[in-house]
Amino acid sequence: MTKHEKERFPVVDNNGDYIWRFPLKAKHGCPSNKSNDAFVELFRSQLDEMLKFVILTQAGKKVRIDGFYLINQPDCKYPIWQTE
């Protein structure tokens, strides 16, 4: 095994499950075309599916959720559902 191969991160964990890694690049401002951002679409689609089965609450009261923002882009709001 070469030195380069020894320095690489493992591809599987102790259970044999694959480890997925990807960089989170800090962006300033909103992207010009929000709908094409694959990273945002990952979260949008997951929230859309989860909200079909759960109701979020705060202090025991139902909270109506319609969008989100990424921690590194607090000024850029993304809708969960497309509005017509």
PDB file of N, CA and C in Angstrom:
ATOM      1  N   MET A   1       0.853  -1.172   0.000  1.00  0.00           N
ATOM      2  CA  MET A   1       0.000   0.000   0.000  1.00  0.00           C
ATOM      3  C   MET A   1       0.905   1.243   0.000  1.00  0.00           C
ATOM      4  N   THR A   2       0.613   2.190  -0.866  1.00  0.00           N
ATOM      5  CA  THR A   2       1.424   3.397  -0.957  1.00  0.00           C
ATOM      6  C   THR A   2       1.046   4.372   0.144  1.00  0.00           C
ATOM      7  N   LYS A   3       1.906   5.360   0.344  1.00  0.00           N
ATOM      8  CA  LYS A   3       1.632   6.377   1.366  1.00  0.00           C
ATOM      9  C   LYS A   3       0.315   7.100   1.085  1.00  0.00           C
ATOM     10  N   HIS A   4       0.070   7.400  -0.187  1.00  0.00           N
ATOM     11  CA  HIS A   4      -1.163   8.105  -0.556  1.00  0.00           C
ATOM     12  C   HIS A   4      -2.400   7.295  -0.176  1.00  0.00           C
ATOM     13  N   GLU A   5      -2.364   5.990  -0.396  1.00  0.00           N
ATOM     14  CA  GLU A   5      -3.511   5.143  -0.064  1.00  0.00           C
ATOM     15  C   GLU A   5      -3.742   5.072   1.433  1.00  0.00           C
ATOM     16  N   LYS A   6      -2.680   5.134   2.246  1.00  0.00           N
ATOM     17  CA  LYS A   6      -2.820   5.091   3.699  1.00  0.00           C
ATOM     18  C   LYS A   6      -3.492   6.347   4.236  1.00  0.00           C
ATOM     19  N   GLU A   7      -3.314   7.487   3.572  1.00  0.00           N
ATOM     20  CA  GLU A   7      -3.855   8.758   4.041  1.00  0.00           C
ATOM     21  C   GLU A   7      -5.308   8.974   3.656  1.00  0.00           C
ATOM     22  N   ARG A   8      -5.848   8.141   2.817  1.00  0.00           N
ATOM     23  CA  ARG A   8      -7.229   8.307   2.367  1.00  0.00           C
ATOM     24  C   ARG A   8      -8.205   7.950   3.485  1.00  0.00           C
ATOM     25  N   PHE A   9      -9.351   8.593   3.465  1.00  0.00           N
ATOM     26  CA  PHE A   9     -10.399   8.256   4.423  1.00  0.00           C
ATOM     27  C   PHE A   9     -11.002   6.904   4.055  1.00  0.00           C
ATOM     28  N   PRO A  10     -11.476   6.150   5.031  1.00  0.00           N
ATOM     29  CA  PRO A  10     -12.083   4.859   4.712  1.00  0.00           C
ATOM     30  C   PRO A  10     -13.385   5.044   3.922  1.00  0.00           C
ATOM     31  N   VAL A  11     -13.691   4.072   3.092  1.00  0.00           N
ATOM     32  CA  VAL A  11     -14.895   4.120   2.264  1.00  0.00           C
ATOM     33  C   VAL A  11     -16.078   3.478   2.991  1.00  0.00           C
ATOM     34  N   VAL A  12     -15.796   2.555   3.895  1.00  0.00           N
ATOM     35  CA  VAL A  12     -16.856   1.898   4.668  1.00  0.00           C
ATOM     36  C   VAL A  12     -16.554   2.041   6.157  1.00  0.00           C
ATOM     37  N   ASP A  13     -17.606   1.988   6.975  1.00  0.00           N
ATOM     38  CA  ASP A  13     -17.407   2.073   8.422  1.00  0.00           C
ATOM     39  C   ASP A  13     -17.227   0.674   9.005  1.00  0.00           C
ATOM     40  N   ASN A  14     -17.203   0.573  10.337  1.00  0.00           N
ATOM     41  CA  ASN A  14     -16.991  -0.714  11.011  1.00  0.00           C
ATOM     42  C   ASN A  14     -18.108  -1.720  10.765  1.00  0.00           C
ATOM     43  N   ASN A  15     -19.309  -1.222  10.392  1.00  0.00           N
ATOM     44  CA  ASN A  15     -20.442  -2.104  10.108  1.00  0.00           C
ATOM     45  C   ASN A  15     -20.489  -2.539   8.651  1.00  0.00           C
ATOM     46  N   GLY A  16     -19.590  -2.009   7.833  1.00  0.00           N
ATOM     47  CA  GLY A  16     -19.600  -2.334   6.405  1.00  0.00           C
ATOM     48  C   GLY A  16     -20.472  -1.402   5.593  1.00  0.00           C
ATOM     49  N   ASP A  17     -21.028  -0.351   6.226  1.00  0.00           N
ATOM     50  CA  ASP A  17     -21.861   0.620   5.514  1.00  0.00           C
ATOM     51  C   ASP A  17     -20.971   1.646   4.827  1.00  0.00           C
ATOM     52  N   TYR A  18     -21.375   2.053   3.626  1.00  0.00           N
ATOM     53  CA  TYR A  18     -20.613   3.057   2.895  1.00  0.00           C
ATOM     54  C   TYR A  18     -20.699   4.408   3.590  1.00  0.00           C
ATOM     55  N   ILE A  19     -19.597   5.125   3.600  1.00  0.00           N
ATOM     56  CA  ILE A  19     -19.537   6.466   4.173  1.00  0.00           C
ATOM     57  C   ILE A  19     -19.576   7.461   3.020  1.00  0.00           C
ATOM     58  N   TRP A  20     -20.548   8.373   3.027  1.00  0.00           N
ATOM     59  CA  TRP A  20     -20.680   9.382   1.980  1.00  0.00           C
ATOM     60  C   TRP A  20     -20.152  10.700   2.507  1.00  0.00           C
ATOM     61  N   ARG A  21     -19.266  11.307   1.756  1.00  0.00           N
ATOM     62  CA  ARG A  21     -18.704  12.600   2.134  1.00  0.00           C
ATOM     63  C   ARG A  21     -18.854  13.555   0.972  1.00  0.00           C
ATOM     64  N   PHE A  22     -19.181  14.801   1.294  1.00  0.00           N
ATOM     65  CA  PHE A  22     -19.219  15.836   0.272  1.00  0.00           C
ATOM     66  C   PHE A  22     -18.949  17.166   0.947  1.00  0.00           C
ATOM     67  N   PRO A  23     -18.294  18.072   0.245  1.00  0.00           N
ATOM     68  CA  PRO A  23     -17.966  19.364   0.857  1.00  0.00           C
ATOM     69  C   PRO A  23     -19.181  20.279   0.933  1.00  0.00           C
ATOM     70  N   LEU A  24     -19.261  21.061   1.983  1.00  0.00           N
ATOM     71  CA  LEU A  24     -20.277  22.101   2.105  1.00  0.00           C
ATOM     72  C   LEU A  24     -19.572  23.426   1.850  1.00  0.00           C
ATOM     73  N   LYS A  25     -19.827  23.994   0.708  1.00  0.00           N
ATOM     74  CA  LYS A  25     -19.155  25.236   0.344  1.00  0.00           C
ATOM     75  C   LYS A  25     -20.027  26.415   0.764  1.00  0.00           C
ATOM     76  N   ALA A  26     -19.441  27.322   1.504  1.00  0.00           N
ATOM     77  CA  ALA A  26     -20.182  28.508   1.934  1.00  0.00           C
ATOM     78  C   ALA A  26     -20.398  29.420   0.745  1.00  0.00           C
ATOM     79  N   LYS A  27     -21.633  29.800   0.532  1.00  0.00           N
ATOM     80  CA  LYS A  27     -21.971  30.718  -0.553  1.00  0.00           C
ATOM     81  C   LYS A  27     -22.486  31.998   0.074  1.00  0.00           C
ATOM     82  N   HIS A  28     -22.211  33.087  -0.565  1.00  0.00           N
ATOM     83  CA  HIS A  28     -22.715  34.371  -0.094  1.00  0.00           C
ATOM     84  C   HIS A  28     -23.818  34.816  -1.034  1.00  0.00           C
ATOM     85  N   GLY A  29     -24.959  35.163  -0.468  1.00  0.00           N
ATOM     86  CA  GLY A  29     -26.093  35.570  -1.283  1.00  0.00           C
ATOM     87  C   GLY A  29     -26.817  34.359  -1.839  1.00  0.00           C
ATOM     88  N   CYS A  30     -27.926  34.603  -2.504  1.00  0.00           N
ATOM     89  CA  CYS A  30     -28.734  33.540  -3.085  1.00  0.00           C
ATOM     90  C   CYS A  30     -28.242  33.209  -4.483  1.00  0.00           C
ATOM     91  N   PRO A  31     -28.293  31.930  -4.854  1.00  0.00           N
ATOM     92  CA  PRO A  31     -27.953  31.594  -6.230  1.00  0.00           C
ATOM     93  C   PRO A  31     -28.976  32.219  -7.180  1.00  0.00           C
ATOM     94  N   SER A  32     -28.547  32.548  -8.374  1.00  0.00           N
ATOM     95  CA  SER A  32     -29.451  33.216  -9.321  1.00  0.00           C
ATOM     96  C   SER A  32     -30.601  32.309  -9.737  1.00  0.00           C
ATOM     97  N   ASN A  33     -30.386  31.006  -9.788  1.00  0.00           N
ATOM     98  CA  ASN A  33     -31.443  30.079 -10.170  1.00  0.00           C
ATOM     99  C   ASN A  33     -31.607  29.046  -9.058  1.00  0.00           C
ATOM    100  N   LYS A  34     -32.463  29.344  -8.088  1.00  0.00           N
ATOM    101  CA  LYS A  34     -32.624  28.495  -6.905  1.00  0.00           C
ATOM    102  C   LYS A  34     -33.096  27.092  -7.241  1.00  0.00           C
ATOM    103  N   SER A  35     -33.926  26.952  -8.258  1.00  0.00           N
ATOM    104  CA  SER A  35     -34.539  25.660  -8.534  1.00  0.00           C
ATOM    105  C   SER A  35     -33.547  24.623  -9.057  1.00  0.00           C
ATOM    106  N   ASN A  36     -32.372  25.031  -9.513  1.00  0.00           N
ATOM    107  CA  ASN A  36     -31.408  24.084 -10.060  1.00  0.00           C
ATOM    108  C   ASN A  36     -30.342  23.666  -9.068  1.00  0.00           C
ATOM    109  N   ASP A  37     -30.414  24.090  -7.846  1.00  0.00           N
ATOM    110  CA  ASP A  37     -29.400  23.749  -6.861  1.00  0.00           C
ATOM    111  C   ASP A  37     -29.700  22.359  -6.294  1.00  0.00           C
ATOM    112  N   ALA A  38     -28.877  21.374  -6.663  1.00  0.00           N
ATOM    113  CA  ALA A  38     -29.125  19.985  -6.254  1.00  0.00           C
ATOM    114  C   ALA A  38     -29.084  19.822  -4.739  1.00  0.00           C
ATOM    115  N   PHE A  39     -28.223  20.564  -4.071  1.00  0.00           N
ATOM    116  CA  PHE A  39     -28.115  20.468  -2.617  1.00  0.00           C
ATOM    117  C   PHE A  39     -29.408  20.932  -1.951  1.00  0.00           C
ATOM    118  N   VAL A  40     -29.967  22.032  -2.426  1.00  0.00           N
ATOM    119  CA  VAL A  40     -31.232  22.544  -1.897  1.00  0.00           C
ATOM    120  C   VAL A  40     -32.357  21.570  -2.224  1.00  0.00           C
ATOM    121  N   GLU A  41     -32.357  21.023  -3.420  1.00  0.00           N
ATOM    122  CA  GLU A  41     -33.399  20.077  -3.826  1.00  0.00           C
ATOM    123  C   GLU A  41     -33.383  18.832  -2.948  1.00  0.00           C
ATOM    124  N   LEU A  42     -32.206  18.407  -2.502  1.00  0.00           N
ATOM    125  CA  LEU A  42     -32.108  17.272  -1.585  1.00  0.00           C
ATOM    126  C   LEU A  42     -32.938  17.534  -0.331  1.00  0.00           C
ATOM    127  N   PHE A  43     -32.752  18.683   0.288  1.00  0.00           N
ATOM    128  CA  PHE A  43     -33.482  19.006   1.515  1.00  0.00           C
ATOM    129  C   PHE A  43     -34.958  19.284   1.234  1.00  0.00           C
ATOM    130  N   ARG A  44     -35.248  19.984   0.134  1.00  0.00           N
ATOM    131  CA  ARG A  44     -36.640  20.302  -0.201  1.00  0.00           C
ATOM    132  C   ARG A  44     -37.447  19.025  -0.375  1.00  0.00           C
ATOM    133  N   SER A  45     -36.915  18.070  -1.133  1.00  0.00           N
ATOM    134  CA  SER A  45     -37.659  16.836  -1.388  1.00  0.00           C
ATOM    135  C   SER A  45     -37.817  15.998  -0.116  1.00  0.00           C
ATOM    136  N   GLN A  46     -36.790  15.975   0.740  1.00  0.00           N
ATOM    137  CA  GLN A  46     -36.890  15.223   1.989  1.00  0.00           C
ATOM    138  C   GLN A  46     -37.947  15.838   2.916  1.00  0.00           C
ATOM    139  N   LEU A  47     -37.951  17.164   3.016  1.00  0.00           N
ATOM    140  CA  LEU A  47     -38.963  17.835   3.845  1.00  0.00           C
ATOM    141  C   LEU A  47     -40.362  17.591   3.291  1.00  0.00           C
ATOM    142  N   ASP A  48     -40.510  17.667   1.983  1.00  0.00           N
ATOM    143  CA  ASP A  48     -41.800  17.422   1.340  1.00  0.00           C
ATOM    144  C   ASP A  48     -42.324  16.038   1.708  1.00  0.00           C
ATOM    145  N   GLU A  49     -41.476  15.028   1.618  1.00  0.00           N
ATOM    146  CA  GLU A  49     -41.904  13.665   1.942  1.00  0.00           C
ATOM    147  C   GLU A  49     -42.185  13.488   3.430  1.00  0.00           C
ATOM    148  N   MET A  50     -41.346  14.033   4.298  1.00  0.00           N
ATOM    149  CA  MET A  50     -41.561  13.890   5.739  1.00  0.00           C
ATOM    150  C   MET A  50     -42.851  14.570   6.192  1.00  0.00           C
ATOM    151  N   LEU A  51     -43.148  15.729   5.612  1.00  0.00           N
ATOM    152  CA  LEU A  51     -44.340  16.470   6.038  1.00  0.00           C
ATOM    153  C   LEU A  51     -45.637  15.821   5.565  1.00  0.00           C
ATOM    154  N   LYS A  52     -45.541  14.764   4.787  1.00  0.00           N
ATOM    155  CA  LYS A  52     -46.727  13.974   4.427  1.00  0.00           C
ATOM    156  C   LYS A  52     -47.115  13.030   5.561  1.00  0.00           C
ATOM    157  N   PHE A  53     -46.183  12.819   6.530  1.00  0.00           N
ATOM    158  CA  PHE A  53     -46.415  11.838   7.589  1.00  0.00           C
ATOM    159  C   PHE A  53     -46.345  12.408   8.997  1.00  0.00           C
ATOM    160  N   VAL A  54     -45.781  13.602   9.162  1.00  0.00           N
ATOM    161  CA  VAL A  54     -45.650  14.183  10.494  1.00  0.00           C
ATOM    162  C   VAL A  54     -46.203  15.599  10.513  1.00  0.00           C
ATOM    163  N   ILE A  55     -46.593  16.026  11.700  1.00  0.00           N
ATOM    164  CA  ILE A  55     -47.012  17.408  11.925  1.00  0.00           C
ATOM    165  C   ILE A  55     -46.051  17.999  12.943  1.00  0.00           C
ATOM    166  N   LEU A  56     -45.426  19.095  12.583  1.00  0.00           N
ATOM    167  CA  LEU A  56     -44.486  19.745  13.490  1.00  0.00           C
ATOM    168  C   LEU A  56     -45.242  20.614  14.487  1.00  0.00           C
ATOM    169  N   THR A  57     -44.715  20.676  15.705  1.00  0.00           N
ATOM    170  CA  THR A  57     -45.350  21.485  16.742  1.00  0.00           C
ATOM    171  C   THR A  57     -44.297  22.317  17.468  1.00  0.00           C
ATOM    172  N   GLN A  58     -44.773  23.363  18.114  1.00  0.00           N
ATOM    173  CA  GLN A  58     -43.943  24.157  19.018  1.00  0.00           C
ATOM    174  C   GLN A  58     -44.775  24.430  20.252  1.00  0.00           C
ATOM    175  N   ALA A  59     -44.267  24.046  21.405  1.00  0.00           N
ATOM    176  CA  ALA A  59     -44.975  24.167  22.673  1.00  0.00           C
ATOM    177  C   ALA A  59     -46.349  23.503  22.585  1.00  0.00           C
ATOM    178  N   GLY A  60     -46.407  22.364  21.860  1.00  0.00           N
ATOM    179  CA  GLY A  60     -47.644  21.602  21.752  1.00  0.00           C
ATOM    180  C   GLY A  60     -48.632  22.118  20.730  1.00  0.00           C
ATOM    181  N   LYS A  61     -48.333  23.205  20.055  1.00  0.00           N
ATOM    182  CA  LYS A  61     -49.243  23.765  19.057  1.00  0.00           C
ATOM    183  C   LYS A  61     -48.693  23.516  17.658  1.00  0.00           C
ATOM    184  N   LYS A  62     -49.601  23.193  16.734  1.00  0.00           N
ATOM    185  CA  LYS A  62     -49.230  22.909  15.355  1.00  0.00           C
ATOM    186  C   LYS A  62     -48.545  24.120  14.722  1.00  0.00           C
ATOM    187  N   VAL A  63     -47.451  23.852  14.008  1.00  0.00           N
ATOM    188  CA  VAL A  63     -46.714  24.899  13.312  1.00  0.00           C
ATOM    189  C   VAL A  63     -46.846  24.633  11.814  1.00  0.00           C
ATOM    190  N   ARG A  64     -47.219  25.630  11.077  1.00  0.00           N
ATOM    191  CA  ARG A  64     -47.367  25.486   9.638  1.00  0.00           C
ATOM    192  C   ARG A  64     -46.047  25.840   8.962  1.00  0.00           C
ATOM    193  N   ILE A  65     -45.447  24.881   8.282  1.00  0.00           N
ATOM    194  CA  ILE A  65     -44.153  25.041   7.638  1.00  0.00           C
ATOM    195  C   ILE A  65     -44.373  25.160   6.134  1.00  0.00           C
ATOM    196  N   ASP A  66     -43.724  26.146   5.504  1.00  0.00           N
ATOM    197  CA  ASP A  66     -43.840  26.253   4.049  1.00  0.00           C
ATOM    198  C   ASP A  66     -42.498  26.483   3.354  1.00  0.00           C
ATOM    199  N   GLY A  67     -41.430  26.588   4.127  1.00  0.00           N
ATOM    200  CA  GLY A  67     -40.130  26.811   3.512  1.00  0.00           C
ATOM    201  C   GLY A  67     -39.002  26.597   4.502  1.00  0.00           C
ATOM    202  N   PHE A  68     -37.787  26.863   4.026  1.00  0.00           N
ATOM    203  CA  PHE A  68     -36.601  26.675   4.861  1.00  0.00           C
ATOM    204  C   PHE A  68     -35.469  27.526   4.313  1.00  0.00           C
ATOM    205  N   TYR A  69     -34.386  27.619   5.082  1.00  0.00           N
ATOM    206  CA  TYR A  69     -33.149  28.216   4.583  1.00  0.00           C
ATOM    207  C   TYR A  69     -31.988  27.411   5.128  1.00  0.00           C
ATOM    208  N   LEU A  70     -30.866  27.496   4.436  1.00  0.00           N
ATOM    209  CA  LEU A  70     -29.665  26.789   4.870  1.00  0.00           C
ATOM    210  C   LEU A  70     -28.924  27.654   5.885  1.00  0.00           C
ATOM    211  N   ILE A  71     -28.283  27.037   6.839  1.00  0.00           N
ATOM    212  CA  ILE A  71     -27.611  27.773   7.908  1.00  0.00           C
ATOM    213  C   ILE A  71     -26.573  28.739   7.359  1.00  0.00           C
ATOM    214  N   ASN A  72     -25.894  28.349   6.282  1.00  0.00           N
ATOM    215  CA  ASN A  72     -24.869  29.234   5.734  1.00  0.00           C
ATOM    216  C   ASN A  72     -25.432  30.277   4.771  1.00  0.00           C
ATOM    217  N   GLN A  73     -26.762  30.281   4.556  1.00  0.00           N
ATOM    218  CA  GLN A  73     -27.419  31.266   3.698  1.00  0.00           C
ATOM    219  C   GLN A  73     -28.732  31.740   4.343  1.00  0.00           C
ATOM    220  N   PRO A  74     -28.673  32.392   5.500  1.00  0.00           N
ATOM    221  CA  PRO A  74     -29.918  32.740   6.198  1.00  0.00           C
ATOM    222  C   PRO A  74     -30.810  33.731   5.452  1.00  0.00           C
ATOM    223  N   ASP A  75     -30.262  34.469   4.493  1.00  0.00           N
ATOM    224  CA  ASP A  75     -31.074  35.432   3.749  1.00  0.00           C
ATOM    225  C   ASP A  75     -31.743  34.828   2.522  1.00  0.00           C
ATOM    226  N   CYS A  76     -31.475  33.585   2.236  1.00  0.00           N
ATOM    227  CA  CYS A  76     -32.003  32.945   1.029  1.00  0.00           C
ATOM    228  C   CYS A  76     -33.064  31.919   1.425  1.00  0.00           C
ATOM    229  N   LYS A  77     -34.324  32.246   1.247  1.00  0.00           N
ATOM    230  CA  LYS A  77     -35.432  31.371   1.635  1.00  0.00           C
ATOM    231  C   LYS A  77     -35.844  30.491   0.466  1.00  0.00           C
ATOM    232  N   TYR A  78     -36.103  29.219   0.757  1.00  0.00           N
ATOM    233  CA  TYR A  78     -36.519  28.261  -0.257  1.00  0.00           C
ATOM    234  C   TYR A  78     -37.899  27.719   0.098  1.00  0.00           C
ATOM    235  N   PRO A  79     -38.843  27.699  -0.847  1.00  0.00           N
ATOM    236  CA  PRO A  79     -40.155  27.100  -0.573  1.00  0.00           C
ATOM    237  C   PRO A  79     -40.074  25.581  -0.629  1.00  0.00           C
ATOM    238  N   ILE A  80     -40.891  24.911   0.165  1.00  0.00           N
ATOM    239  CA  ILE A  80     -40.940  23.452   0.113  1.00  0.00           C
ATOM    240  C   ILE A  80     -41.816  23.022  -1.062  1.00  0.00           C
ATOM    241  N   TRP A  81     -42.883  23.743  -1.296  1.00  0.00           N
ATOM    242  CA  TRP A  81     -43.800  23.436  -2.407  1.00  0.00           C
ATOM    243  C   TRP A  81     -43.832  24.598  -3.363  1.00  0.00           C
ATOM    244  N   GLN A  82     -43.986  24.279  -4.628  1.00  0.00           N
ATOM    245  CA  GLN A  82     -44.094  25.327  -5.651  1.00  0.00           C
ATOM    246  C   GLN A  82     -45.470  25.991  -5.536  1.00  0.00           C
ATOM    247  N   THR A  83     -45.484  27.300  -5.554  1.00  0.00           N
ATOM    248  CA  THR A  83     -46.762  28.015  -5.532  1.00  0.00           C
ATOM    249  C   THR A  83     -47.075  28.493  -6.936  1.00  0.00           C
ATOM    250  N   GLU A  84     -48.332  28.432  -7.255  1.00  0.00           N
ATOM    251  CA  GLU A  84     -48.766  28.823  -8.603  1.00  0.00           C
ATOM    252  C   GLU A  84     -49.273  30.239  -8.593  1.00  0.00           C
TER     253      GLU A  84
END
